[in-house]
Amino acid sequence: MIPPTVLCIDDHAELLKLRKSTLESCGFHVETATCAATAMKTLASTPVATVLLDYRLDGMDAQAVAYQIKQRHPKQPIVLLSAYSDTPAPLLWLVDEYVMKSEPPERLAKVIDKVLCSASKPVSGAETRSHRYDSSAA
């Protein structure tokens, strides 16, 4: 069985390498991108089960990246990864889940599994996205 592909977007190559290793040890195939242009090329050419998007990106806005992904790939699940609790509400509406960087890697893997499971289910008209955003968790 082919493992699901996660596209990790982060402008810090060292953190990207560490996250890739961690997710691969959890059974995922991982593609990486250090900028929006590379991420969009990957999404256009590779089947990606979910995107893991870092909140703080040098030279690019995570909200703009998430918006661009949803414009071109409306059903593409996105998990936002952040160390900050001040995430703007419009960005939270663009992503399917939100995970604090301080959470253990196992939690991130569970959230990705949850998003993949949700993405494979048919969506009813009344269903809305649920976010794990809790400002008290910061």
N, C-alpha and C. Protein backbone atom coordinates (compact mmCIF):
# COMPACT_ATOMS: atom_id res chain seq x y z
N MET A 1 0.83 -1.18 0.00
CA MET A 1 0.00 0.00 0.00
C MET A 1 0.89 1.25 0.00
N ILE A 2 0.56 2.20 -0.85
CA ILE A 2 1.33 3.44 -0.95
C ILE A 2 0.90 4.38 0.17
N PRO A 3 1.87 4.92 0.93
CA PRO A 3 1.51 5.83 2.01
C PRO A 3 0.99 7.16 1.46
N PRO A 4 0.10 7.83 2.21
CA PRO A 4 -0.39 9.12 1.75
C PRO A 4 0.74 10.15 1.70
N THR A 5 0.66 11.04 0.73
CA THR A 5 1.67 12.07 0.56
C THR A 5 1.26 13.35 1.27
N VAL A 6 2.18 13.87 2.07
CA VAL A 6 2.00 15.14 2.76
C VAL A 6 2.99 16.12 2.14
N LEU A 7 2.50 17.29 1.74
CA LEU A 7 3.36 18.35 1.25
C LEU A 7 3.60 19.32 2.39
N CYS A 8 4.85 19.41 2.84
CA CYS A 8 5.22 20.32 3.92
C CYS A 8 5.79 21.60 3.32
N ILE A 9 5.22 22.74 3.72
CA ILE A 9 5.68 24.03 3.24
C ILE A 9 6.25 24.80 4.42
N ASP A 10 7.55 25.09 4.35
CA ASP A 10 8.23 25.84 5.40
C ASP A 10 9.47 26.47 4.78
N ASP A 11 9.75 27.71 5.13
CA ASP A 11 10.89 28.40 4.54
C ASP A 11 12.21 28.08 5.24
N HIS A 12 12.18 27.36 6.34
CA HIS A 12 13.39 26.97 7.06
C HIS A 12 13.75 25.53 6.70
N ALA A 13 14.79 25.38 5.90
CA ALA A 13 15.17 24.07 5.37
C ALA A 13 15.48 23.06 6.48
N GLU A 14 16.10 23.51 7.57
CA GLU A 14 16.46 22.58 8.64
C GLU A 14 15.20 22.02 9.31
N LEU A 15 14.23 22.90 9.57
CA LEU A 15 12.97 22.45 10.19
C LEU A 15 12.19 21.55 9.23
N LEU A 16 12.25 21.88 7.97
CA LEU A 16 11.57 21.08 6.95
C LEU A 16 12.15 19.67 6.91
N LYS A 17 13.46 19.56 6.97
CA LYS A 17 14.12 18.26 6.96
C LYS A 17 13.73 17.44 8.19
N LEU A 18 13.69 18.08 9.35
CA LEU A 18 13.30 17.41 10.59
C LEU A 18 11.84 16.96 10.53
N ARG A 19 10.95 17.84 10.06
CA ARG A 19 9.53 17.50 9.96
C ARG A 19 9.33 16.35 8.97
N LYS A 20 10.07 16.38 7.86
CA LYS A 20 9.97 15.30 6.88
C LYS A 20 10.35 13.97 7.52
N SER A 21 11.45 13.95 8.23
CA SER A 21 11.91 12.73 8.89
C SER A 21 10.88 12.22 9.90
N THR A 22 10.33 13.15 10.68
CA THR A 22 9.33 12.78 11.69
C THR A 22 8.09 12.19 11.04
N LEU A 23 7.58 12.83 10.00
CA LEU A 23 6.37 12.34 9.35
C LEU A 23 6.61 11.03 8.62
N GLU A 24 7.78 10.87 8.03
CA GLU A 24 8.09 9.60 7.37
C GLU A 24 8.15 8.47 8.39
N SER A 25 8.64 8.76 9.59
CA SER A 25 8.68 7.73 10.63
C SER A 25 7.27 7.36 11.11
N CYS A 26 6.30 8.25 10.83
CA CYS A 26 4.89 7.97 11.17
C CYS A 26 4.16 7.30 10.01
N GLY A 27 4.86 7.02 8.91
CA GLY A 27 4.26 6.27 7.81
C GLY A 27 3.78 7.09 6.63
N PHE A 28 4.12 8.37 6.57
CA PHE A 28 3.71 9.22 5.46
C PHE A 28 4.84 9.34 4.45
N HIS A 29 4.46 9.57 3.19
CA HIS A 29 5.43 9.98 2.18
C HIS A 29 5.42 11.51 2.22
N VAL A 30 6.57 12.15 2.19
CA VAL A 30 6.63 13.60 2.37
C VAL A 30 7.34 14.27 1.21
N GLU A 31 6.67 15.26 0.63
CA GLU A 31 7.27 16.17 -0.33
C GLU A 31 7.48 17.48 0.41
N THR A 32 8.48 18.26 0.01
CA THR A 32 8.74 19.52 0.71
C THR A 32 8.80 20.69 -0.27
N ALA A 33 8.53 21.87 0.28
CA ALA A 33 8.63 23.11 -0.49
C ALA A 33 9.03 24.23 0.45
N THR A 34 9.98 25.04 0.01
CA THR A 34 10.41 26.17 0.82
C THR A 34 9.81 27.49 0.36
N CYS A 35 8.97 27.42 -0.67
CA CYS A 35 8.30 28.63 -1.15
C CYS A 35 6.98 28.25 -1.82
N ALA A 36 6.13 29.25 -2.00
CA ALA A 36 4.80 29.02 -2.58
C ALA A 36 4.90 28.49 -4.02
N ALA A 37 5.83 29.03 -4.79
CA ALA A 37 5.95 28.60 -6.20
C ALA A 37 6.27 27.11 -6.29
N THR A 38 7.19 26.63 -5.48
CA THR A 38 7.53 25.21 -5.48
C THR A 38 6.34 24.38 -5.00
N ALA A 39 5.65 24.87 -3.99
CA ALA A 39 4.48 24.15 -3.47
C ALA A 39 3.41 24.02 -4.56
N MET A 40 3.15 25.09 -5.29
CA MET A 40 2.12 25.04 -6.33
C MET A 40 2.53 24.11 -7.47
N LYS A 41 3.82 24.07 -7.81
CA LYS A 41 4.29 23.14 -8.85
C LYS A 41 4.10 21.70 -8.38
N THR A 42 4.41 21.45 -7.11
CA THR A 42 4.24 20.10 -6.57
C THR A 42 2.77 19.69 -6.59
N LEU A 43 1.90 20.60 -6.18
CA LEU A 43 0.45 20.30 -6.17
C LEU A 43 -0.07 20.04 -7.58
N ALA A 44 0.50 20.69 -8.57
CA ALA A 44 0.06 20.52 -9.95
C ALA A 44 0.53 19.20 -10.55
N SER A 45 1.64 18.66 -10.02
CA SER A 45 2.22 17.48 -10.64
C SER A 45 2.18 16.20 -9.80
N THR A 46 1.85 16.33 -8.52
CA THR A 46 1.90 15.19 -7.61
C THR A 46 0.61 15.07 -6.83
N PRO A 47 0.01 13.88 -6.75
CA PRO A 47 -1.17 13.72 -5.90
C PRO A 47 -0.75 13.89 -4.43
N VAL A 48 -1.33 14.87 -3.77
CA VAL A 48 -1.00 15.19 -2.38
C VAL A 48 -2.24 14.97 -1.53
N ALA A 49 -2.11 14.18 -0.48
CA ALA A 49 -3.24 13.90 0.40
C ALA A 49 -3.58 15.10 1.28
N THR A 50 -2.55 15.76 1.79
CA THR A 50 -2.77 16.96 2.59
C THR A 50 -1.54 17.84 2.55
N VAL A 51 -1.75 19.12 2.84
CA VAL A 51 -0.68 20.10 2.91
C VAL A 51 -0.47 20.48 4.36
N LEU A 52 0.78 20.52 4.78
CA LEU A 52 1.15 21.00 6.11
C LEU A 52 1.84 22.34 5.90
N LEU A 53 1.17 23.41 6.31
CA LEU A 53 1.61 24.78 6.03
C LEU A 53 2.08 25.46 7.30
N ASP A 54 3.33 25.93 7.29
CA ASP A 54 3.85 26.68 8.42
C ASP A 54 3.25 28.08 8.40
N TYR A 55 2.95 28.61 9.58
CA TYR A 55 2.31 29.93 9.68
C TYR A 55 3.27 31.07 9.36
N ARG A 56 4.44 31.06 9.96
CA ARG A 56 5.40 32.15 9.76
C ARG A 56 6.34 31.77 8.63
N LEU A 57 6.22 32.48 7.53
CA LEU A 57 7.04 32.23 6.36
C LEU A 57 7.71 33.53 5.93
N ASP A 58 9.04 33.51 5.78
CA ASP A 58 9.75 34.70 5.31
C ASP A 58 9.41 34.94 3.85
N GLY A 59 9.05 36.16 3.54
CA GLY A 59 8.82 36.54 2.15
C GLY A 59 7.53 36.05 1.54
N MET A 60 6.70 35.36 2.30
CA MET A 60 5.40 34.95 1.79
C MET A 60 4.42 34.90 2.95
N ASP A 61 3.19 35.10 2.65
CA ASP A 61 2.12 35.16 3.64
C ASP A 61 1.39 33.81 3.64
N ALA A 62 1.33 33.16 4.80
CA ALA A 62 0.68 31.85 4.88
C ALA A 62 -0.78 31.93 4.43
N GLN A 63 -1.44 33.04 4.75
CA GLN A 63 -2.83 33.19 4.33
C GLN A 63 -2.93 33.26 2.81
N ALA A 64 -2.01 33.98 2.17
CA ALA A 64 -2.01 34.06 0.70
C ALA A 64 -1.70 32.70 0.08
N VAL A 65 -0.79 31.96 0.69
CA VAL A 65 -0.45 30.62 0.18
C VAL A 65 -1.67 29.70 0.30
N ALA A 66 -2.33 29.70 1.46
CA ALA A 66 -3.52 28.87 1.66
C ALA A 66 -4.62 29.27 0.68
N TYR A 67 -4.80 30.56 0.47
CA TYR A 67 -5.82 31.04 -0.47
C TYR A 67 -5.51 30.56 -1.89
N GLN A 68 -4.25 30.68 -2.28
CA GLN A 68 -3.84 30.24 -3.61
C GLN A 68 -4.08 28.74 -3.79
N ILE A 69 -3.76 27.96 -2.77
CA ILE A 69 -3.99 26.52 -2.84
C ILE A 69 -5.48 26.24 -3.00
N LYS A 70 -6.32 26.88 -2.20
CA LYS A 70 -7.77 26.64 -2.26
C LYS A 70 -8.38 27.13 -3.56
N GLN A 71 -7.81 28.18 -4.16
CA GLN A 71 -8.30 28.66 -5.45
C GLN A 71 -8.05 27.62 -6.54
N ARG A 72 -6.87 27.03 -6.54
CA ARG A 72 -6.51 26.06 -7.59
C ARG A 72 -6.94 24.64 -7.27
N HIS A 73 -7.02 24.32 -5.99
CA HIS A 73 -7.35 22.96 -5.54
C HIS A 73 -8.34 23.08 -4.37
N PRO A 74 -9.61 23.40 -4.65
CA PRO A 74 -10.59 23.72 -3.59
C PRO A 74 -10.78 22.64 -2.54
N LYS A 75 -10.59 21.39 -2.89
CA LYS A 75 -10.81 20.31 -1.93
C LYS A 75 -9.53 19.85 -1.23
N GLN A 76 -8.42 20.54 -1.51
CA GLN A 76 -7.14 20.16 -0.92
C GLN A 76 -7.13 20.44 0.58
N PRO A 77 -7.01 19.42 1.42
CA PRO A 77 -6.92 19.66 2.85
C PRO A 77 -5.61 20.37 3.22
N ILE A 78 -5.71 21.30 4.16
CA ILE A 78 -4.54 22.04 4.65
C ILE A 78 -4.54 21.98 6.16
N VAL A 79 -3.39 21.64 6.73
CA VAL A 79 -3.18 21.69 8.17
C VAL A 79 -2.19 22.81 8.43
N LEU A 80 -2.58 23.76 9.26
CA LEU A 80 -1.71 24.87 9.62
C LEU A 80 -0.90 24.48 10.84
N LEU A 81 0.39 24.73 10.78
CA LEU A 81 1.29 24.44 11.89
C LEU A 81 1.86 25.77 12.38
N SER A 82 1.66 26.06 13.66
CA SER A 82 2.09 27.36 14.17
C SER A 82 2.57 27.29 15.61
N ALA A 83 3.47 28.19 15.93
CA ALA A 83 3.92 28.36 17.31
C ALA A 83 3.22 29.55 17.95
N TYR A 84 2.35 30.21 17.19
CA TYR A 84 1.71 31.44 17.63
C TYR A 84 0.22 31.24 17.84
N SER A 85 -0.32 31.94 18.83
CA SER A 85 -1.76 31.85 19.08
C SER A 85 -2.51 33.01 18.43
N ASP A 86 -1.80 33.92 17.79
CA ASP A 86 -2.43 35.09 17.19
C ASP A 86 -2.77 34.90 15.71
N THR A 87 -3.16 33.72 15.35
CA THR A 87 -3.47 33.40 13.96
C THR A 87 -4.75 34.12 13.53
N PRO A 88 -4.70 34.86 12.43
CA PRO A 88 -5.89 35.60 11.97
C PRO A 88 -7.04 34.66 11.59
N ALA A 89 -8.24 35.06 11.94
CA ALA A 89 -9.43 34.25 11.65
C ALA A 89 -9.58 33.91 10.16
N PRO A 90 -9.32 34.86 9.23
CA PRO A 90 -9.46 34.49 7.81
C PRO A 90 -8.56 33.32 7.40
N LEU A 91 -7.38 33.23 7.99
CA LEU A 91 -6.51 32.10 7.69
C LEU A 91 -7.09 30.81 8.25
N LEU A 92 -7.63 30.88 9.45
CA LEU A 92 -8.23 29.69 10.06
C LEU A 92 -9.40 29.16 9.24
N TRP A 93 -10.11 30.03 8.54
CA TRP A 93 -11.22 29.57 7.69
C TRP A 93 -10.73 28.88 6.43
N LEU A 94 -9.49 29.14 6.04
CA LEU A 94 -8.93 28.52 4.84
C LEU A 94 -8.35 27.14 5.10
N VAL A 95 -8.03 26.85 6.36
CA VAL A 95 -7.38 25.57 6.68
C VAL A 95 -8.39 24.61 7.31
N ASP A 96 -8.04 23.33 7.25
CA ASP A 96 -8.94 22.31 7.79
C ASP A 96 -8.64 22.01 9.25
N GLU A 97 -7.41 22.17 9.65
CA GLU A 97 -7.00 21.93 11.03
C GLU A 97 -5.85 22.85 11.38
N TYR A 98 -5.63 22.99 12.68
CA TYR A 98 -4.60 23.87 13.22
C TYR A 98 -3.88 23.12 14.33
N VAL A 99 -2.56 23.06 14.25
CA VAL A 99 -1.77 22.34 15.26
C VAL A 99 -0.68 23.27 15.76
N MET A 100 -0.52 23.32 17.07
CA MET A 100 0.56 24.10 17.66
C MET A 100 1.87 23.31 17.52
N LYS A 101 2.96 24.01 17.24
CA LYS A 101 4.25 23.35 17.10
C LYS A 101 4.72 22.70 18.40
N SER A 102 4.21 23.19 19.51
CA SER A 102 4.62 22.64 20.81
C SER A 102 4.02 21.26 21.08
N GLU A 103 3.06 20.85 20.26
CA GLU A 103 2.44 19.53 20.46
C GLU A 103 3.40 18.44 19.98
N PRO A 104 3.29 17.26 20.57
CA PRO A 104 4.19 16.16 20.18
C PRO A 104 3.92 15.70 18.74
N PRO A 105 4.95 15.14 18.09
CA PRO A 105 4.80 14.68 16.70
C PRO A 105 3.65 13.70 16.51
N GLU A 106 3.37 12.88 17.53
CA GLU A 106 2.27 11.93 17.43
C GLU A 106 0.94 12.65 17.24
N ARG A 107 0.80 13.82 17.88
CA ARG A 107 -0.44 14.60 17.75
C ARG A 107 -0.59 15.10 16.31
N LEU A 108 0.52 15.56 15.73
CA LEU A 108 0.48 16.03 14.35
C LEU A 108 0.06 14.88 13.43
N ALA A 109 0.62 13.71 13.63
CA ALA A 109 0.26 12.55 12.81
C ALA A 109 -1.22 12.22 12.95
N LYS A 110 -1.76 12.30 14.17
CA LYS A 110 -3.19 12.03 14.39
C LYS A 110 -4.06 13.05 13.69
N VAL A 111 -3.65 14.31 13.72
CA VAL A 111 -4.43 15.36 13.05
C VAL A 111 -4.41 15.14 11.54
N ILE A 112 -3.26 14.79 11.00
CA ILE A 112 -3.18 14.51 9.56
C ILE A 112 -4.07 13.32 9.21
N ASP A 113 -4.03 12.26 10.01
CA ASP A 113 -4.91 11.11 9.79
C ASP A 113 -6.38 11.53 9.82
N LYS A 114 -6.74 12.39 10.78
CA LYS A 114 -8.12 12.87 10.90
C LYS A 114 -8.54 13.64 9.65
N VAL A 115 -7.66 14.50 9.16
CA VAL A 115 -7.95 15.28 7.96
C VAL A 115 -8.10 14.37 6.76
N LEU A 116 -7.23 13.37 6.65
CA LEU A 116 -7.31 12.43 5.52
C LEU A 116 -8.61 11.63 5.58
N CYS A 117 -9.01 11.23 6.76
CA CYS A 117 -10.26 10.49 6.93
C CYS A 117 -11.45 11.38 6.56
N SER A 118 -11.44 12.62 7.01
CA SER A 118 -12.52 13.56 6.69
C SER A 118 -12.58 13.86 5.21
N ALA A 119 -11.42 13.96 4.58
CA ALA A 119 -11.37 14.28 3.15
C ALA A 119 -11.93 13.15 2.30
N SER A 120 -11.89 11.93 2.81
CA SER A 120 -12.38 10.80 2.03
C SER A 120 -13.88 10.59 2.18
N LYS A 121 -14.52 11.32 3.11
CA LYS A 121 -15.95 11.19 3.33
C LYS A 121 -16.71 12.22 2.48
N PRO A 122 -17.92 11.86 2.02
CA PRO A 122 -18.72 12.84 1.29
C PRO A 122 -19.14 13.96 2.25
N VAL A 123 -19.17 15.19 1.73
CA VAL A 123 -19.52 16.35 2.54
C VAL A 123 -20.96 16.74 2.26
N SER A 124 -21.76 16.87 3.32
CA SER A 124 -23.14 17.33 3.15
C SER A 124 -23.16 18.84 3.11
N GLY A 125 -24.22 19.42 2.62
CA GLY A 125 -24.35 20.87 2.52
C GLY A 125 -24.33 21.56 3.86
N ALA A 126 -24.75 20.88 4.91
CA ALA A 126 -24.84 21.51 6.23
C ALA A 126 -23.54 21.38 7.02
N GLU A 127 -22.60 20.59 6.53
CA GLU A 127 -21.38 20.35 7.28
C GLU A 127 -20.44 21.55 7.19
N THR A 128 -19.80 21.89 8.30
CA THR A 128 -18.84 22.97 8.33
C THR A 128 -17.51 22.44 8.82
N ARG A 129 -16.48 23.21 8.56
CA ARG A 129 -15.15 22.82 9.04
C ARG A 129 -15.05 23.02 10.53
N SER A 130 -14.32 22.12 11.17
CA SER A 130 -14.03 22.31 12.59
C SER A 130 -12.55 22.61 12.72
N HIS A 131 -12.25 23.55 13.56
CA HIS A 131 -10.86 23.94 13.78
C HIS A 131 -10.46 23.63 15.20
N ARG A 132 -9.24 23.23 15.37
CA ARG A 132 -8.72 22.91 16.67
C ARG A 132 -8.15 24.15 17.33
N TYR A 133 -8.54 25.30 16.87
CA TYR A 133 -7.99 26.54 17.39
C TYR A 133 -8.56 26.84 18.76
N ASP A 134 -7.68 27.04 19.71
CA ASP A 134 -8.07 27.38 21.06
C ASP A 134 -7.05 28.39 21.56
N SER A 135 -7.45 29.64 21.68
CA SER A 135 -6.52 30.69 22.07
C SER A 135 -5.96 30.47 23.46
N SER A 136 -6.62 29.69 24.29
CA SER A 136 -6.11 29.44 25.63
C SER A 136 -5.00 28.40 25.63
N ALA A 137 -4.80 27.70 24.50
CA ALA A 137 -3.79 26.64 24.44
C ALA A 137 -2.38 27.20 24.22
N ALA A 138 -2.27 28.46 23.92
CA ALA A 138 -0.96 29.04 23.62
C ALA A 138 -0.17 29.34 24.86
